[in-house]
Amino acid sequence: MLASINRTQLKVLTPTLADRLRVFNAAARNLQAHGIRVQGFHPADNRLVITPEAGQRLINLGHTEGYQRHGTAGSTRFYVQFQGVTLEWREPISASRPADWSRQTLH
């Protein structure tokens, strides 16, 4: 077994990283306090994933900034800023179409 002769402690949690994690955790807790379930935690990207309904609710309440949407194959990704953290959700492309958009298929 190899042993290190260097006794210097490694410091992974720098003051900057600790502050980012504090903001990240506070935003996640605030979402949960408002009844919004966080579906994905990505602290390295400073991003939380929520449901489309939760995203629309936050936008309607005016709790977000910086609305962006990006179309991808089969879905649209939405991004907003919430208390210093990016929130993301996806909606299927057909989600915005009314139920009667297409005619019934007869066999």
Protein backbone atom coordinates (compact mmCIF):
# COMPACT_ATOMS: atom_id res chain seq x y z
CA MET A 1 0.00 0.00 0.00
CA LEU A 2 1.31 3.44 -0.88
CA ALA A 3 1.19 6.16 1.74
CA SER A 4 1.50 9.87 1.22
CA ILE A 5 4.34 11.63 2.94
CA ASN A 6 2.64 14.99 2.44
CA ARG A 7 0.47 15.85 5.46
CA THR A 8 -1.14 18.94 3.93
CA GLN A 9 -4.90 18.72 4.25
CA LEU A 10 -6.85 18.99 1.04
CA LYS A 11 -9.54 21.63 1.05
CA VAL A 12 -12.43 20.80 -1.27
CA LEU A 13 -15.06 23.07 0.24
CA THR A 14 -13.64 26.49 -0.55
CA PRO A 15 -15.42 29.63 0.72
CA THR A 16 -16.73 30.31 -2.80
CA LEU A 17 -18.10 26.79 -3.20
CA ALA A 18 -19.62 26.89 0.29
CA ASP A 19 -21.45 30.13 -0.59
CA ARG A 20 -22.74 28.68 -3.89
CA LEU A 21 -24.02 25.57 -2.09
CA ARG A 22 -25.68 27.74 0.57
CA VAL A 23 -27.59 29.68 -2.13
CA PHE A 24 -28.41 26.45 -3.98
CA ASN A 25 -29.75 24.70 -0.87
CA ALA A 26 -31.76 27.77 0.21
CA ALA A 27 -33.46 27.94 -3.21
CA ALA A 28 -34.27 24.20 -3.11
CA ARG A 29 -35.72 24.53 0.39
CA ASN A 30 -37.80 27.57 -0.60
CA LEU A 31 -39.26 25.68 -3.55
CA GLN A 32 -40.15 22.76 -1.30
CA ALA A 33 -41.67 25.14 1.28
CA HIS A 34 -43.96 26.43 -1.50
CA GLY A 35 -45.09 22.87 -2.26
CA ILE A 36 -42.90 22.48 -5.34
CA ARG A 37 -41.18 19.12 -5.65
CA VAL A 38 -37.64 19.25 -7.00
CA GLN A 39 -37.14 16.43 -9.50
CA GLY A 40 -33.42 16.85 -10.10
CA PHE A 41 -30.51 18.43 -8.21
CA HIS A 42 -27.46 19.54 -10.21
CA PRO A 43 -25.29 21.66 -7.87
CA ALA A 44 -22.27 21.61 -10.22
CA ASP A 45 -24.41 23.41 -12.83
CA ASN A 46 -26.33 25.48 -10.23
CA ARG A 47 -29.54 23.98 -11.67
CA LEU A 48 -32.71 22.43 -10.25
CA VAL A 49 -35.24 20.48 -12.34
CA ILE A 50 -38.95 20.96 -11.60
CA THR A 51 -42.25 20.02 -13.26
CA PRO A 52 -43.79 22.13 -16.05
CA GLU A 53 -46.76 22.95 -13.79
CA ALA A 54 -44.44 24.21 -11.05
CA GLY A 55 -42.51 26.34 -13.55
CA GLN A 56 -45.67 27.98 -14.88
CA ARG A 57 -46.90 28.56 -11.33
CA LEU A 58 -43.66 30.35 -10.36
CA ILE A 59 -43.80 32.49 -13.50
CA ASN A 60 -47.44 33.44 -12.87
CA LEU A 61 -46.61 34.40 -9.28
CA GLY A 62 -43.71 36.57 -10.50
CA HIS A 63 -41.06 34.71 -8.49
CA THR A 64 -38.68 34.19 -11.42
CA GLU A 65 -36.45 36.17 -13.79
CA GLY A 66 -34.82 35.58 -17.16
CA TYR A 67 -37.32 33.35 -18.97
CA GLN A 68 -35.75 31.29 -21.81
CA ARG A 69 -37.06 28.45 -23.94
CA HIS A 70 -35.25 26.17 -26.36
CA GLY A 71 -36.94 23.76 -28.75
CA THR A 72 -35.40 20.32 -29.01
CA ALA A 73 -36.47 17.11 -30.71
CA GLY A 74 -39.79 16.20 -29.13
CA SER A 75 -39.80 18.72 -26.29
CA THR A 76 -39.16 22.31 -25.28
CA ARG A 77 -36.76 23.14 -22.43
CA PHE A 78 -37.57 26.12 -20.26
CA TYR A 79 -35.11 27.97 -18.01
CA VAL A 80 -35.73 30.69 -15.43
CA GLN A 81 -33.71 32.16 -12.58
CA PHE A 82 -35.02 31.69 -9.04
CA GLN A 83 -33.11 33.14 -6.08
CA GLY A 84 -29.77 32.81 -7.88
CA VAL A 85 -30.37 29.27 -9.17
CA THR A 86 -31.41 28.11 -12.66
CA LEU A 87 -34.68 26.18 -12.77
CA GLU A 88 -35.32 23.86 -15.72
CA TRP A 89 -38.34 21.94 -16.93
CA ARG A 90 -39.35 20.24 -20.17
CA GLU A 91 -42.67 20.08 -21.95
CA PRO A 92 -43.52 17.77 -24.85
CA ILE A 93 -43.99 19.75 -28.06
CA SER A 94 -47.61 18.60 -28.28
CA ALA A 95 -48.36 19.78 -24.72
CA SER A 96 -49.53 23.21 -25.87
CA ARG A 97 -51.90 21.86 -28.51
CA PRO A 98 -55.60 21.69 -27.66
CA ALA A 99 -57.12 18.23 -27.26
CA ASP A 100 -59.20 18.64 -30.42
CA TRP A 101 -56.23 19.82 -32.52
CA SER A 102 -56.20 16.70 -34.67
CA ARG A 103 -59.14 14.78 -36.00
CA GLN A 104 -59.96 11.35 -34.73
CA THR A 105 -58.53 8.47 -36.76
CA LEU A 106 -61.22 6.18 -38.12
CA HIS A 107 -60.39 2.54 -38.81
